Protein backbone atom coordinates (compact mmCIF):
# COMPACT_ATOMS: atom_id res chain seq x y z
CA MET A 1 -20.66 -13.05 -10.42
CA PRO A 2 -19.18 -14.79 -7.28
CA TYR A 3 -19.86 -11.83 -4.76
CA PRO A 4 -22.89 -9.93 -5.98
CA LYS A 5 -23.02 -7.52 -3.03
CA LEU A 6 -19.45 -6.79 -3.14
CA PHE A 7 -19.66 -5.87 -6.86
CA SER A 8 -22.92 -3.74 -6.59
CA PRO A 9 -22.81 -0.29 -6.92
CA VAL A 10 -23.23 2.38 -3.83
CA GLN A 11 -24.05 5.97 -3.65
CA PHE A 12 -21.83 8.75 -1.78
CA GLY A 13 -24.37 11.22 -2.27
CA THR A 14 -24.49 12.29 -5.97
CA LEU A 15 -21.21 10.12 -6.69
CA THR A 16 -21.99 6.59 -7.94
CA VAL A 17 -19.17 4.33 -6.87
CA PRO A 18 -18.87 1.05 -8.81
CA ASN A 19 -18.35 -1.45 -6.05
CA ARG A 20 -18.26 -1.75 -2.30
CA LEU A 21 -14.63 -2.10 -1.64
CA GLN A 22 -12.79 1.03 -0.44
CA ARG A 23 -9.33 1.61 -0.34
CA THR A 24 -9.26 3.41 3.35
CA SER A 25 -6.58 5.86 4.00
CA GLN A 26 -3.00 4.63 5.08
CA VAL A 27 0.20 6.58 5.37
CA SER A 28 2.56 5.64 2.79
CA GLY A 29 5.95 7.39 3.79
CA LEU A 30 6.41 8.15 0.07
CA ALA A 31 6.08 11.80 -0.12
CA THR A 32 8.99 14.15 0.41
CA GLU A 33 9.85 15.26 3.59
CA ASP A 34 7.87 18.71 3.13
CA GLY A 35 4.73 16.89 1.95
CA HIS A 36 5.38 17.15 -1.56
CA ILE A 37 4.17 14.28 -3.98
CA THR A 38 6.52 12.16 -5.43
CA PRO A 39 6.61 9.52 -8.59
CA GLU A 40 6.65 6.39 -6.14
CA LEU A 41 3.60 7.92 -4.35
CA THR A 42 1.66 8.18 -7.72
CA GLN A 43 2.53 4.99 -8.74
CA ARG A 44 1.45 3.45 -5.21
CA TYR A 45 -2.06 4.64 -5.81
CA GLN A 46 -1.96 4.03 -9.83
CA ARG A 47 -1.29 0.32 -8.70
CA GLU A 48 -3.89 0.13 -6.22
CA ALA A 49 -6.59 1.78 -8.57
CA GLN A 50 -5.50 -0.84 -11.23
CA GLY A 51 -6.83 -3.39 -9.11
CA GLY A 52 -10.19 -2.76 -9.32
CA VAL A 53 -11.27 -0.95 -6.20
CA GLY A 54 -14.34 1.04 -6.16
CA SER A 55 -13.18 4.00 -4.10
CA LEU A 56 -9.53 4.83 -3.09
CA VAL A 57 -9.08 7.17 -0.50
CA VAL A 58 -5.35 8.97 -0.81
CA GLU A 59 -3.67 9.14 2.51
CA ALA A 60 -4.39 12.11 5.06
CA ALA A 61 -3.21 15.18 3.54
CA VAL A 62 -2.42 17.91 6.30
CA VAL A 63 -4.18 20.98 6.45
CA ASN A 64 -1.55 22.71 9.42
CA PRO A 65 0.86 25.04 7.83
CA SER A 66 3.31 23.70 10.20
CA ARG A 67 5.85 20.89 9.21
CA SER A 68 4.68 17.34 9.31
CA SER A 69 7.60 15.13 8.17
CA TYR A 70 6.66 12.72 5.23
CA ASN A 71 3.10 13.35 5.43
CA LEU A 72 1.28 14.54 2.05
CA ARG A 73 0.19 18.24 2.54
CA ILE A 74 -2.60 20.36 1.26
CA SER A 75 -1.79 23.33 3.47
CA ASP A 76 -1.44 26.18 0.78
CA ASP A 77 -2.20 26.19 -2.90
CA SER A 78 1.37 25.30 -4.10
CA PHE A 79 0.36 21.71 -3.77
CA VAL A 80 -2.61 22.00 -5.94
CA PRO A 81 -0.91 21.39 -9.46
CA GLU A 82 1.16 18.25 -8.26
CA LEU A 83 -2.19 16.68 -6.52
CA LYS A 84 -4.12 17.44 -9.75
CA GLY A 85 -1.53 15.69 -11.64
CA MET A 86 -1.52 12.78 -9.20
CA VAL A 87 -5.35 12.50 -9.62
CA ALA A 88 -4.88 12.45 -13.50
CA ALA A 89 -2.46 9.78 -13.49
CA ILE A 90 -4.68 7.54 -11.21
CA ARG A 91 -7.65 8.22 -13.52
CA GLN A 92 -5.56 7.24 -16.68
CA ARG A 93 -4.87 3.75 -14.89
CA ASN A 94 -8.56 3.29 -13.81
CA PRO A 95 -11.11 5.68 -15.04
CA HIS A 96 -14.06 3.82 -12.96
CA THR A 97 -12.32 4.30 -9.44
CA ARG A 98 -13.45 7.05 -7.57
CA ILE A 99 -10.59 9.09 -6.11
CA GLY A 100 -11.08 10.82 -2.60
CA LEU A 101 -8.81 12.77 -0.42
CA GLN A 102 -8.65 12.58 3.46
CA ILE A 103 -7.97 16.06 4.96
CA MET A 104 -6.66 16.11 8.89
CA HIS A 105 -5.36 18.71 11.17
CA PHE A 106 -2.98 17.12 13.58
CA LEU A 107 -1.75 17.68 17.06
CA LYS A 108 1.88 18.65 17.63
CA ILE A 109 4.48 16.16 19.26
CA SER A 110 7.78 16.23 20.36
CA LYS A 111 10.58 14.07 20.63
CA SER A 112 11.05 15.32 24.26
CA GLY A 113 7.83 13.09 24.81
CA TRP A 114 5.68 16.32 24.89
CA ARG A 115 2.46 16.16 23.11
CA GLN A 116 -0.18 18.95 22.18
CA ARG A 117 -3.66 18.34 23.87
CA VAL A 118 -7.12 20.09 22.92
CA SER A 119 -6.78 22.18 26.31
CA ASP A 120 -3.72 23.92 24.74
CA PHE A 121 -5.71 25.73 22.08
CA PRO A 122 -6.71 28.90 23.14
CA ALA A 123 -10.15 29.80 22.36
CA GLU A 124 -9.14 32.33 19.46
CA GLU A 125 -7.38 29.28 17.62
CA ILE A 126 -10.79 27.34 17.16
CA PRO A 127 -11.73 29.21 14.25
CA VAL A 128 -8.45 28.94 12.43
CA ILE A 129 -8.76 25.01 12.73
CA VAL A 130 -12.15 25.23 10.95
CA ASP A 131 -10.84 27.66 8.23
CA LEU A 132 -7.69 25.24 7.83
CA HIS A 133 -10.17 22.63 6.80
CA VAL A 134 -12.16 24.60 4.64
CA GLN A 135 -9.06 25.72 2.62
CA GLY A 136 -7.82 22.40 2.49
CA ALA A 137 -11.24 21.44 1.25
CA ARG A 138 -11.32 24.02 -1.33
CA ARG A 139 -7.99 22.65 -2.72
CA ALA A 140 -9.11 19.32 -2.89
CA VAL A 141 -11.80 20.11 -5.09
CA GLU A 142 -9.81 22.22 -6.99
CA ALA A 143 -7.11 19.19 -7.49
CA GLY A 144 -9.82 17.08 -8.84
CA PHE A 145 -10.76 14.83 -6.23
CA ASP A 146 -14.22 13.11 -6.77
CA PHE A 147 -14.92 13.33 -2.79
CA ILE A 148 -13.24 14.33 0.51
CA GLU A 149 -12.98 12.66 3.71
CA LEU A 150 -12.68 14.59 7.15
CA HIS A 151 -10.63 12.62 9.47
CA MET A 152 -12.30 12.47 12.90
CA ALA A 153 -10.69 9.38 13.98
CA HIS A 154 -7.74 8.19 15.83
CA ALA A 155 -5.15 10.46 17.49
CA TYR A 156 -5.76 13.88 15.70
CA THR A 157 -7.28 16.94 16.47
CA LEU A 158 -10.91 16.70 15.67
CA SER A 159 -11.08 12.71 17.16
CA SER A 160 -9.44 14.59 20.37
CA PHE A 161 -11.94 16.87 20.76
CA LEU A 162 -14.55 14.19 20.40
CA SER A 163 -13.03 11.98 22.75
CA LEU A 164 -13.77 11.89 26.36
CA SER A 165 -9.93 12.38 26.93
CA ASN A 166 -10.93 15.98 25.93
CA ASP A 167 -10.51 18.13 29.24
CA ARG A 168 -11.25 21.47 28.07
CA THR A 169 -13.83 23.27 30.27
CA ASP A 170 -15.25 25.57 27.89
CA GLU A 171 -18.04 25.16 25.09
CA PHE A 172 -15.84 22.97 23.46
CA GLY A 173 -15.30 20.14 26.30
CA GLY A 174 -17.15 18.57 28.78
CA SER A 175 -20.52 16.91 27.66
CA LEU A 176 -20.71 15.09 24.19
CA THR A 177 -22.68 18.06 22.87
CA ASN A 178 -19.86 20.30 23.64
CA ARG A 179 -17.31 17.96 22.39
CA MET A 180 -19.01 17.80 19.05
CA HIS A 181 -19.14 21.49 18.83
CA LEU A 182 -15.80 21.77 16.87
CA PRO A 183 -16.11 18.65 14.52
CA VAL A 184 -19.87 20.08 13.78
CA LYS A 185 -18.33 23.47 13.09
CA VAL A 186 -15.70 21.98 10.65
CA TYR A 187 -18.34 19.71 9.10
CA ARG A 188 -20.50 22.68 8.39
CA ALA A 189 -18.12 25.06 7.28
CA VAL A 190 -16.42 22.44 4.69
CA ARG A 191 -20.15 21.67 3.56
CA ARG A 192 -20.73 25.36 2.75
CA GLN A 193 -17.35 25.50 0.68
CA VAL A 194 -17.88 22.63 -1.50
CA GLY A 195 -21.69 22.97 -1.53
CA ASP A 196 -24.34 20.45 -1.27
CA ALA A 197 -23.98 18.11 -4.27
CA TYR A 198 -20.20 17.26 -3.62
CA PRO A 199 -19.68 14.15 -1.73
CA LEU A 200 -18.17 14.67 1.77
CA GLY A 201 -17.61 11.73 4.09
CA ILE A 202 -16.29 11.26 7.50
CA ARG A 203 -14.08 8.73 9.28
CA ILE A 204 -14.77 8.04 13.18
CA ASN A 205 -13.66 6.01 15.91
CA GLY A 206 -16.25 3.90 16.86
CA GLU A 207 -14.35 3.18 20.07
CA ASP A 208 -11.17 4.95 21.53
CA PHE A 209 -10.02 1.61 23.20
CA THR A 210 -8.71 3.62 26.09
CA VAL A 211 -10.00 3.78 29.62
CA LYS A 212 -10.92 7.54 29.52
CA GLY A 213 -12.06 7.50 25.74
CA THR A 214 -15.16 7.63 23.85
CA THR A 215 -17.17 4.46 23.59
CA LEU A 216 -19.50 2.73 21.21
CA LEU A 217 -22.27 4.43 23.13
CA GLN A 218 -21.36 8.08 22.29
CA SER A 219 -19.89 6.95 18.72
CA THR A 220 -23.36 6.09 17.87
CA GLN A 221 -24.52 9.44 18.92
CA ILE A 222 -21.82 11.06 17.19
CA ALA A 223 -22.62 9.02 13.87
CA LYS A 224 -26.28 10.19 14.38
CA ARG A 225 -25.58 13.90 14.48
CA LEU A 226 -23.03 13.72 11.49
CA ALA A 227 -25.96 11.71 9.26
CA GLU A 228 -28.38 14.52 10.22
CA LEU A 229 -25.80 17.09 8.84
CA GLY A 230 -25.82 15.26 5.52
CA ALA A 231 -22.46 13.21 5.89
CA ASP A 232 -22.30 11.39 2.58
CA TYR A 233 -20.77 8.22 4.18
CA ILE A 234 -19.39 7.65 7.63
CA SER A 235 -16.38 5.30 8.07
CA VAL A 236 -15.81 3.47 11.17
CA SER A 237 -12.14 2.77 12.63
CA GLY A 238 -11.18 2.87 16.34
CA GLY A 239 -8.21 3.32 18.49
CA SER A 240 -4.58 4.69 17.63
CA ARG A 241 -4.90 6.93 20.71
CA PHE A 242 -1.94 8.49 23.00
CA GLU A 243 -3.74 8.08 26.09
CA ASP A 244 -2.44 4.30 26.66
CA SER A 245 0.92 4.33 24.89
CA PRO A 246 3.83 3.46 26.92
CA PRO A 247 6.44 6.16 27.33
CA PRO A 248 8.62 6.41 24.54
CA ALA A 249 12.19 5.76 24.35
CA PRO A 250 14.55 8.72 25.04
CA GLY A 251 14.74 10.92 21.79
CA ASN A 252 11.57 9.46 20.42
CA PRO A 253 8.25 11.07 20.13
CA PRO A 254 4.99 9.20 21.54
CA ASP A 255 3.56 7.02 19.27
CA PRO A 256 -0.17 6.12 19.48
CA MET A 257 0.18 2.83 17.79
CA THR A 258 2.26 1.37 20.61
CA GLY A 259 -0.55 0.59 23.13
CA TYR A 260 -3.75 -1.67 23.17
CA SER A 261 -5.75 1.02 21.16
CA GLY A 262 -3.11 1.04 18.62
CA HIS A 263 -3.44 -2.43 17.92
CA ARG A 264 -6.92 -2.43 17.81
CA MET A 265 -6.77 0.16 14.96
CA SER A 266 -4.82 -2.61 13.04
CA PRO A 267 -5.68 -5.71 14.31
CA ALA A 268 -2.55 -7.87 14.36
CA SER A 269 -2.36 -11.69 13.84
CA TRP A 270 -3.16 -12.76 17.12
CA PHE A 271 -6.56 -10.80 17.02
CA PRO A 272 -9.68 -12.51 15.04
CA ASP A 273 -10.70 -11.64 11.57
CA LEU A 274 -13.39 -8.97 11.28
CA THR A 275 -12.04 -7.71 14.65
CA ASN A 276 -14.07 -4.21 14.50
CA VAL A 277 -16.93 -4.95 12.13
CA TYR A 278 -19.26 -5.09 15.22
CA LEU A 279 -18.62 -1.28 16.07
CA ALA A 280 -19.85 -0.51 12.19
CA GLU A 281 -22.89 -2.79 12.78
CA ALA A 282 -23.74 -1.04 15.87
CA ILE A 283 -23.47 2.47 14.43
CA ARG A 284 -25.18 1.41 11.19
CA ASP A 285 -28.44 0.11 13.38
CA GLU A 286 -28.51 3.14 15.18
CA VAL A 287 -28.29 5.34 12.03
CA ARG A 288 -31.05 3.27 10.32
CA LYS A 289 -33.18 3.57 13.63
CA ALA A 290 -33.01 7.13 13.32
CA GLY A 291 -34.09 7.36 9.80
CA PHE A 292 -31.07 7.77 7.95
CA ASP A 293 -29.79 5.76 4.90
CA VAL A 294 -26.21 7.08 4.81
CA PRO A 295 -23.41 4.17 3.91
CA ILE A 296 -21.39 2.88 6.77
CA ILE A 297 -17.91 1.47 5.98
CA THR A 298 -16.30 -0.96 8.06
CA ALA A 299 -12.53 -1.99 8.40
CA GLY A 300 -10.51 -4.04 10.56
CA LYS A 301 -8.90 -7.34 9.73
CA ILE A 302 -11.29 -8.24 6.68
CA ARG A 303 -9.05 -10.35 4.67
CA ASN A 304 -11.09 -12.43 1.95
CA PRO A 305 -14.20 -11.94 -0.14
CA ASN A 306 -16.30 -14.38 1.67
CA GLN A 307 -15.98 -12.54 4.87
CA ALA A 308 -16.54 -9.40 3.33
CA GLU A 309 -19.83 -10.47 1.31
CA LYS A 310 -21.14 -11.91 4.30
CA ALA A 311 -20.64 -8.83 6.40
CA LEU A 312 -22.76 -7.11 3.51
CA ASP A 313 -25.36 -9.68 3.66
CA ASP A 314 -25.78 -9.66 7.26
CA GLY A 315 -26.29 -5.92 7.12
CA LYS A 316 -23.09 -5.31 9.09
CA ALA A 317 -22.01 -2.38 6.77
CA ASP A 318 -22.60 -1.11 3.30
CA VAL A 319 -18.85 -0.95 2.19
CA ILE A 320 -15.99 -2.88 2.93
CA GLY A 321 -13.04 -0.88 4.02
CA LEU A 322 -9.34 -2.65 3.00
CA CYS A 323 -6.18 -1.36 3.95
CA ARG A 324 -3.57 -3.56 4.76
CA ALA A 325 -5.12 -6.35 2.38
CA LEU A 326 -5.18 -4.12 -0.44
CA LEU A 327 -1.76 -2.79 0.35
CA CYS A 328 -0.49 -6.55 0.28
CA ASP A 329 -2.46 -7.42 -3.00
CA PRO A 330 -3.89 -4.43 -4.75
CA ASP A 331 -5.65 -7.14 -7.28
CA TRP A 332 -7.86 -8.34 -4.47
CA PRO A 333 -10.97 -6.95 -6.26
CA ALA A 334 -10.17 -7.81 -9.64
CA LYS A 335 -9.48 -11.38 -8.40
CA ALA A 336 -12.63 -11.64 -6.53
CA ARG A 337 -14.63 -10.49 -9.25
CA ASN A 338 -13.17 -12.97 -11.78
CA ASP A 339 -13.92 -15.65 -9.31
CA GLN A 340 -10.24 -16.14 -8.75
CA ALA A 341 -10.45 -15.68 -5.06
CA GLN A 342 -7.78 -18.15 -4.41
CA GLU A 343 -5.32 -16.33 -6.22
CA ILE A 344 -5.30 -13.54 -3.65
CA VAL A 345 -1.98 -13.07 -1.66
CA THR A 346 -3.58 -12.78 1.87
CA CYS A 347 -2.39 -10.06 4.31
CA SER A 348 -0.55 -11.69 7.14
CA ALA A 349 -1.46 -9.20 9.53
CA CYS A 350 1.87 -8.97 10.63
CA ASN A 351 1.97 -5.15 10.73
CA TRP A 352 5.32 -4.67 9.20
CA CYS A 353 3.99 -2.11 7.18
CA LEU A 354 2.67 -0.40 10.41
CA GLY A 355 6.19 -0.60 11.62
CA ALA A 356 7.78 0.97 8.76
CA ASP A 357 5.40 3.98 9.25
CA THR A 358 6.49 4.18 12.86
CA ARG A 359 10.33 3.87 11.79
CA MET A 360 9.50 6.87 9.27
CA GLU A 361 10.38 4.47 6.57
CA LYS A 362 8.66 4.18 2.96
CA VAL A 363 5.71 1.72 3.78
CA ASN A 364 5.62 -1.58 1.88
CA CYS A 365 4.55 -5.23 2.49
CA VAL A 366 6.45 -7.72 3.77
CA ARG A 367 5.18 -10.15 1.09
CA TRP A 368 6.45 -8.27 -1.83
CA PRO A 369 9.88 -8.85 -3.44
CA LYS A 370 12.58 -7.42 -1.21
CA GLY A 371 13.06 -3.60 -1.81
CA ALA A 372 9.71 -3.61 -3.91
CA LEU A 373 7.51 -0.30 -3.46
CA ASN A 374 4.56 -1.91 -5.09
CA ALA A 375 3.09 -5.40 -5.48
CA PRO A 376 4.29 -7.05 -8.74
CA ALA A 377 1.81 -7.17 -11.81
CA PRO A 378 0.57 -9.70 -12.06
CA TRP A 379 0.85 -11.06 -8.39
CA LEU A 380 -0.23 -14.47 -7.70
CA ARG A 381 -0.10 -16.68 -4.55
CA GLY A 382 2.78 -18.73 -6.01
CA GLN A 383 4.94 -15.63 -6.55
CA SER A 384 5.12 -14.46 -2.82
CA ASP A 385 8.31 -14.86 -1.22
CA PRO A 386 8.43 -18.31 0.87
CA ASN A 387 10.60 -16.58 3.42
CA THR A 388 8.27 -14.20 4.65
CA HIS A 389 5.70 -14.37 7.19
CA ALA A 390 3.20 -17.12 7.00
CA GLU A 391 -0.42 -16.69 5.75
CA GLY A 392 -3.44 -16.56 7.84
CA ALA A 393 -2.05 -16.34 11.10
């Protein structure tokens, strides 16, 4: 086997994952406007499981009861049967891929330019945020997901409590210990709900990449605390914060993907490959020094198996997170395993997919045939549209 590290198993707590490639969560725009599953959404994840990824994190499902257009939702029990059907359909396509659901609580934004801040939550609403996560986790287990990922990264609620931009003056703001108070409450409550044996992962920012934002120094402390609490993996991302985004055009909501921190979350073509791997490496080093073996997942413009294998060999991470690369070519894992890496259709890092999300369109890849909502099967380099963006920019 050409990539022995990539295709060795890894443990997420009690769950054995067959290889070290994870499809990290990405908005698809394929849910209905009120958050229900569509055939297109199910087909997207079936196609990605078919390509042989070890673990697949279904896009963030909103726990808030309030409306969030085209985001998948898990905010009441009516969503459980359709989520259960989607999980079964993915398993039917590939019974070996482990399927997780990312759950998240979001901060409200408005086309007027207003956005909710953590200081806007009165103290009596804090327990509500905790319970919404608990009920979302309960539903995810009922739907049959193999694991849950708590979203504590980017511009969402828990990440915003963790961030240095948190300007609360009570026990939930100020010092790092205080800023961790709500995320720790959420983790503990969800852990009680799902039990010690159920795999529970966390996604955090290694850096906020804003002037007044969490840095790697704080993130290593956050990761060590989560490892101490028993997190079954820690996935390291970065950026996508509102604090440095430019003012939106009239009639548009603020967009955390438009500033420098947004570009760091999904490194574009002008960034070097492996842009954010150093974040996971530093966190992994500190977590290991503290005596914890929790797997650390890295992501950020990792586009070919040689890069991924070397990152694992060098001890920079335990699992490789792929998002845009697997959107572009979901057969990436199978091609690498079968010594056909030369046939991988390489992500251009053009961020067309990211722009589709911003435009509230269905997310697809610029390298697919025009109008397609999934990569062709089979999907070989010679099939990619010669009129699309150039490879390897």
